[in-house]
Amino acid sequence: MKPCAAATASVGLLLLLSGCSDDLDAAALAAAKCTNAVHRDLGLPEGDTSLDTDEVFVEGSDPERTVTGRWTHPFKGQGLFTCGVVPDPSDELRGLRVTRIDVQGGKTG
């Protein structure tokens, strides 16, 4: 499964279970946008589909949503991330812009 799809699936399941299905699309888009930001922050090549995210939580609503979760990669290690996104009509794919990204962890030693 591609990184965005994994994050989207995790968020979708979480929101459906919590009864917030009205907000599912916006949360899934925020999670996908942040997964891409984690991918870039780790310096992974564009075609690398080895990044996995899980335990993804999306909080807040317009104008800013905060996405937190865990990431793992076979060569980069594992860690946590926090990301903020806001609506951005100039982004044709998801309509969001990352305002902050904090990626922690990775391989040690």
N, C-alpha and C. Protein backbone atom coordinates (compact mmCIF):
# COMPACT_ATOMS: atom_id res chain seq x y z
N MET A 1 0.84 -1.18 0.00
CA MET A 1 0.00 0.00 0.00
C MET A 1 0.88 1.24 0.00
N LYS A 2 0.55 2.23 -0.80
CA LYS A 2 1.33 3.46 -0.86
C LYS A 2 1.20 4.22 0.45
N PRO A 3 2.19 5.07 0.80
CA PRO A 3 2.15 5.79 2.07
C PRO A 3 0.89 6.60 2.26
N CYS A 4 0.45 7.31 1.27
CA CYS A 4 -0.75 8.14 1.41
C CYS A 4 -1.97 7.27 1.65
N ALA A 5 -2.05 6.17 0.95
CA ALA A 5 -3.19 5.28 1.10
C ALA A 5 -3.23 4.69 2.50
N ALA A 6 -2.06 4.33 3.03
CA ALA A 6 -2.02 3.76 4.38
C ALA A 6 -2.48 4.77 5.41
N ALA A 7 -1.99 5.99 5.30
CA ALA A 7 -2.39 7.03 6.25
C ALA A 7 -3.87 7.32 6.12
N THR A 8 -4.35 7.40 4.91
CA THR A 8 -5.75 7.69 4.68
C THR A 8 -6.62 6.58 5.25
N ALA A 9 -6.22 5.34 5.05
CA ALA A 9 -6.99 4.21 5.58
C ALA A 9 -7.02 4.24 7.10
N SER A 10 -5.89 4.53 7.72
CA SER A 10 -5.83 4.58 9.18
C SER A 10 -6.72 5.67 9.73
N VAL A 11 -6.65 6.84 9.15
CA VAL A 11 -7.48 7.95 9.61
C VAL A 11 -8.95 7.66 9.37
N GLY A 12 -9.26 7.11 8.21
CA GLY A 12 -10.64 6.79 7.90
C GLY A 12 -11.25 5.83 8.90
N LEU A 13 -10.53 4.79 9.25
CA LEU A 13 -11.02 3.83 10.22
C LEU A 13 -11.19 4.49 11.58
N LEU A 14 -10.22 5.29 11.99
CA LEU A 14 -10.28 5.97 13.27
C LEU A 14 -11.51 6.86 13.35
N LEU A 15 -11.75 7.65 12.32
CA LEU A 15 -12.88 8.58 12.34
C LEU A 15 -14.22 7.85 12.25
N LEU A 16 -14.29 6.79 11.47
CA LEU A 16 -15.54 6.05 11.40
C LEU A 16 -15.88 5.43 12.74
N LEU A 17 -14.89 4.92 13.42
CA LEU A 17 -15.13 4.32 14.72
C LEU A 17 -15.53 5.36 15.76
N SER A 18 -15.06 6.59 15.60
CA SER A 18 -15.38 7.61 16.58
C SER A 18 -16.66 8.38 16.22
N GLY A 19 -17.31 8.03 15.13
CA GLY A 19 -18.57 8.65 14.79
C GLY A 19 -18.44 10.00 14.11
N CYS A 20 -17.29 10.30 13.56
CA CYS A 20 -17.04 11.61 12.93
C CYS A 20 -16.99 11.48 11.42
N SER A 21 -17.85 10.70 10.84
CA SER A 21 -17.75 10.43 9.41
C SER A 21 -17.95 11.68 8.55
N ASP A 22 -18.65 12.70 9.07
CA ASP A 22 -18.82 13.94 8.30
C ASP A 22 -17.49 14.61 8.01
N ASP A 23 -16.52 14.42 8.88
CA ASP A 23 -15.22 15.07 8.77
C ASP A 23 -14.17 14.16 8.12
N LEU A 24 -14.60 12.99 7.67
CA LEU A 24 -13.67 11.99 7.15
C LEU A 24 -12.84 12.50 5.99
N ASP A 25 -13.45 13.10 5.01
CA ASP A 25 -12.70 13.55 3.83
C ASP A 25 -11.64 14.57 4.20
N ALA A 26 -11.99 15.57 4.99
CA ALA A 26 -11.02 16.61 5.37
C ALA A 26 -9.88 16.02 6.18
N ALA A 27 -10.18 15.11 7.09
CA ALA A 27 -9.13 14.49 7.91
C ALA A 27 -8.23 13.60 7.07
N ALA A 28 -8.82 12.84 6.15
CA ALA A 28 -8.02 11.96 5.29
C ALA A 28 -7.10 12.79 4.39
N LEU A 29 -7.59 13.89 3.87
CA LEU A 29 -6.75 14.76 3.05
C LEU A 29 -5.62 15.37 3.86
N ALA A 30 -5.91 15.79 5.10
CA ALA A 30 -4.87 16.35 5.97
C ALA A 30 -3.81 15.30 6.27
N ALA A 31 -4.24 14.07 6.56
CA ALA A 31 -3.28 12.99 6.85
C ALA A 31 -2.41 12.70 5.64
N ALA A 32 -3.01 12.67 4.46
CA ALA A 32 -2.24 12.40 3.24
C ALA A 32 -1.23 13.51 2.97
N LYS A 33 -1.65 14.75 3.15
CA LYS A 33 -0.75 15.88 2.92
C LYS A 33 0.44 15.82 3.88
N CYS A 34 0.18 15.46 5.14
CA CYS A 34 1.25 15.38 6.13
C CYS A 34 2.16 14.17 5.89
N THR A 35 1.61 13.08 5.41
CA THR A 35 2.45 11.93 5.07
C THR A 35 3.44 12.32 3.98
N ASN A 36 2.98 13.09 3.00
CA ASN A 36 3.89 13.57 1.96
C ASN A 36 4.97 14.48 2.55
N ALA A 37 4.59 15.31 3.53
CA ALA A 37 5.56 16.20 4.17
C ALA A 37 6.60 15.41 4.95
N VAL A 38 6.19 14.34 5.62
CA VAL A 38 7.13 13.47 6.34
C VAL A 38 8.09 12.84 5.33
N HIS A 39 7.56 12.37 4.23
CA HIS A 39 8.36 11.76 3.16
C HIS A 39 9.46 12.72 2.71
N ARG A 40 9.08 13.97 2.45
CA ARG A 40 10.05 14.98 2.02
C ARG A 40 11.06 15.30 3.13
N ASP A 41 10.56 15.45 4.36
CA ASP A 41 11.44 15.80 5.48
C ASP A 41 12.51 14.73 5.71
N LEU A 42 12.16 13.48 5.48
CA LEU A 42 13.12 12.38 5.64
C LEU A 42 14.08 12.28 4.46
N GLY A 43 13.84 13.07 3.42
CA GLY A 43 14.71 13.06 2.26
C GLY A 43 14.57 11.81 1.40
N LEU A 44 13.40 11.22 1.40
CA LEU A 44 13.18 10.00 0.62
C LEU A 44 12.97 10.36 -0.85
N PRO A 45 13.47 9.52 -1.75
CA PRO A 45 13.26 9.79 -3.17
C PRO A 45 11.78 9.69 -3.54
N GLU A 46 11.41 10.37 -4.60
CA GLU A 46 10.00 10.46 -5.00
C GLU A 46 9.35 9.09 -5.19
N GLY A 47 10.03 8.12 -5.71
CA GLY A 47 9.43 6.81 -5.97
C GLY A 47 9.44 5.85 -4.79
N ASP A 48 9.99 6.27 -3.65
CA ASP A 48 10.09 5.39 -2.48
C ASP A 48 8.72 5.23 -1.83
N THR A 49 8.21 4.00 -1.83
CA THR A 49 6.90 3.73 -1.22
C THR A 49 7.03 2.93 0.07
N SER A 50 8.21 2.96 0.69
CA SER A 50 8.47 2.16 1.89
C SER A 50 8.08 2.85 3.19
N LEU A 51 7.69 4.12 3.13
CA LEU A 51 7.31 4.83 4.34
C LEU A 51 5.93 4.38 4.79
N ASP A 52 5.83 3.98 6.05
CA ASP A 52 4.54 3.62 6.63
C ASP A 52 4.22 4.58 7.75
N THR A 53 2.96 4.97 7.86
CA THR A 53 2.51 5.77 8.99
C THR A 53 1.38 5.03 9.67
N ASP A 54 1.32 5.15 10.99
CA ASP A 54 0.21 4.56 11.72
C ASP A 54 -0.05 5.38 12.97
N GLU A 55 -1.07 4.98 13.70
CA GLU A 55 -1.52 5.73 14.87
C GLU A 55 -1.66 7.21 14.52
N VAL A 56 -2.27 7.47 13.38
CA VAL A 56 -2.43 8.83 12.88
C VAL A 56 -3.71 9.43 13.46
N PHE A 57 -3.57 10.61 14.06
CA PHE A 57 -4.70 11.32 14.63
C PHE A 57 -4.78 12.71 14.00
N VAL A 58 -5.98 13.12 13.66
CA VAL A 58 -6.20 14.44 13.09
C VAL A 58 -7.10 15.20 14.06
N GLU A 59 -6.63 16.37 14.47
CA GLU A 59 -7.39 17.19 15.41
C GLU A 59 -7.61 18.57 14.82
N GLY A 60 -8.63 19.23 15.30
CA GLY A 60 -8.92 20.59 14.87
C GLY A 60 -9.80 20.61 13.65
N SER A 61 -10.10 21.81 13.24
CA SER A 61 -10.90 22.03 12.04
C SER A 61 -10.40 23.31 11.40
N ASP A 62 -11.11 23.78 10.40
CA ASP A 62 -10.64 24.98 9.71
C ASP A 62 -10.48 26.11 10.72
N PRO A 63 -9.46 26.92 10.65
CA PRO A 63 -8.55 26.95 9.53
C PRO A 63 -7.39 25.96 9.63
N GLU A 64 -7.01 25.48 10.81
CA GLU A 64 -5.84 24.59 10.87
C GLU A 64 -6.19 23.25 11.49
N ARG A 65 -5.66 22.20 10.88
CA ARG A 65 -5.76 20.85 11.44
C ARG A 65 -4.36 20.41 11.83
N THR A 66 -4.26 19.68 12.93
CA THR A 66 -2.99 19.14 13.39
C THR A 66 -3.04 17.62 13.23
N VAL A 67 -2.02 17.08 12.59
CA VAL A 67 -1.92 15.65 12.34
C VAL A 67 -0.70 15.13 13.10
N THR A 68 -0.90 14.09 13.90
CA THR A 68 0.21 13.46 14.62
C THR A 68 0.18 11.97 14.34
N GLY A 69 1.34 11.34 14.43
CA GLY A 69 1.39 9.91 14.21
C GLY A 69 2.80 9.36 14.31
N ARG A 70 2.91 8.08 13.99
CA ARG A 70 4.19 7.37 13.98
C ARG A 70 4.57 7.08 12.54
N TRP A 71 5.86 7.06 12.27
CA TRP A 71 6.34 6.68 10.95
C TRP A 71 7.40 5.60 11.10
N THR A 72 7.51 4.74 10.09
CA THR A 72 8.57 3.73 10.03
C THR A 72 9.04 3.62 8.58
N HIS A 73 10.34 3.37 8.46
CA HIS A 73 10.94 3.18 7.14
C HIS A 73 12.08 2.18 7.32
N PRO A 74 12.23 1.22 6.40
CA PRO A 74 13.24 0.17 6.58
C PRO A 74 14.68 0.67 6.68
N PHE A 75 14.98 1.82 6.09
CA PHE A 75 16.36 2.32 6.13
C PHE A 75 16.52 3.56 7.00
N LYS A 76 15.45 4.31 7.20
CA LYS A 76 15.52 5.55 7.98
C LYS A 76 15.19 5.34 9.46
N GLY A 77 14.56 4.21 9.79
CA GLY A 77 14.21 3.94 11.18
C GLY A 77 12.75 4.20 11.47
N GLN A 78 12.50 4.77 12.65
CA GLN A 78 11.12 5.04 13.05
C GLN A 78 11.09 6.27 13.94
N GLY A 79 9.91 6.82 14.10
CA GLY A 79 9.78 7.99 14.96
C GLY A 79 8.36 8.52 14.95
N LEU A 80 8.24 9.75 15.40
CA LEU A 80 6.95 10.43 15.53
C LEU A 80 6.94 11.66 14.63
N PHE A 81 5.75 12.10 14.27
CA PHE A 81 5.65 13.34 13.50
C PHE A 81 4.44 14.15 13.96
N THR A 82 4.56 15.45 13.79
CA THR A 82 3.46 16.39 14.00
C THR A 82 3.47 17.35 12.82
N CYS A 83 2.30 17.63 12.31
CA CYS A 83 2.19 18.44 11.11
C CYS A 83 0.95 19.32 11.23
N GLY A 84 1.02 20.53 10.70
CA GLY A 84 -0.13 21.40 10.64
C GLY A 84 -0.46 21.72 9.20
N VAL A 85 -1.75 21.73 8.86
CA VAL A 85 -2.18 22.08 7.50
C VAL A 85 -3.32 23.09 7.57
N VAL A 86 -3.37 23.94 6.56
CA VAL A 86 -4.45 24.92 6.42
C VAL A 86 -4.97 24.85 4.99
N PRO A 87 -6.20 25.29 4.78
CA PRO A 87 -6.73 25.31 3.42
C PRO A 87 -5.88 26.21 2.51
N ASP A 88 -5.70 25.77 1.28
CA ASP A 88 -4.95 26.54 0.29
C ASP A 88 -5.55 26.25 -1.09
N PRO A 89 -6.35 27.17 -1.59
CA PRO A 89 -7.00 26.92 -2.89
C PRO A 89 -6.03 26.79 -4.05
N SER A 90 -4.78 27.22 -3.88
CA SER A 90 -3.82 27.09 -4.98
C SER A 90 -3.27 25.67 -5.11
N ASP A 91 -3.49 24.82 -4.09
CA ASP A 91 -3.07 23.42 -4.16
C ASP A 91 -4.18 22.63 -4.85
N GLU A 92 -3.96 22.28 -6.10
CA GLU A 92 -5.01 21.65 -6.89
C GLU A 92 -5.29 20.21 -6.48
N LEU A 93 -4.32 19.52 -5.87
CA LEU A 93 -4.53 18.11 -5.52
C LEU A 93 -5.38 17.95 -4.26
N ARG A 94 -4.99 18.60 -3.18
CA ARG A 94 -5.69 18.40 -1.91
C ARG A 94 -6.29 19.66 -1.33
N GLY A 95 -5.92 20.83 -1.87
CA GLY A 95 -6.45 22.09 -1.36
C GLY A 95 -5.91 22.45 0.01
N LEU A 96 -4.70 21.95 0.34
CA LEU A 96 -4.10 22.20 1.65
C LEU A 96 -2.65 22.62 1.51
N ARG A 97 -2.17 23.33 2.53
CA ARG A 97 -0.76 23.73 2.60
C ARG A 97 -0.24 23.36 3.97
N VAL A 98 0.96 22.78 4.02
CA VAL A 98 1.61 22.44 5.28
C VAL A 98 2.18 23.71 5.88
N THR A 99 1.81 24.00 7.12
CA THR A 99 2.32 25.19 7.80
C THR A 99 3.46 24.86 8.75
N ARG A 100 3.52 23.61 9.20
CA ARG A 100 4.61 23.19 10.08
C ARG A 100 4.73 21.67 10.01
N ILE A 101 5.98 21.21 10.13
CA ILE A 101 6.25 19.77 10.15
C ILE A 101 7.39 19.53 11.13
N ASP A 102 7.20 18.59 12.01
CA ASP A 102 8.23 18.20 12.97
C ASP A 102 8.34 16.67 12.91
N VAL A 103 9.44 16.19 12.39
CA VAL A 103 9.68 14.75 12.27
C VAL A 103 10.81 14.39 13.22
N GLN A 104 10.53 13.49 14.15
CA GLN A 104 11.53 13.08 15.13
C GLN A 104 11.81 11.60 15.01
N GLY A 105 12.98 11.22 15.48
CA GLY A 105 13.37 9.80 15.47
C GLY A 105 14.31 9.50 14.34
N GLY A 106 14.34 8.25 13.97
CA GLY A 106 15.25 7.79 12.94
C GLY A 106 16.22 6.80 13.53
N LYS A 107 17.10 6.32 12.70
CA LYS A 107 18.09 5.34 13.15
C LYS A 107 19.08 5.99 14.08
N THR A 108 19.47 5.27 15.09
CA THR A 108 20.54 5.73 15.98
C THR A 108 21.63 4.69 15.95
N GLY A 109 22.84 5.17 16.00
CA GLY A 109 23.98 4.26 16.05
C GLY A 109 24.47 3.78 14.77
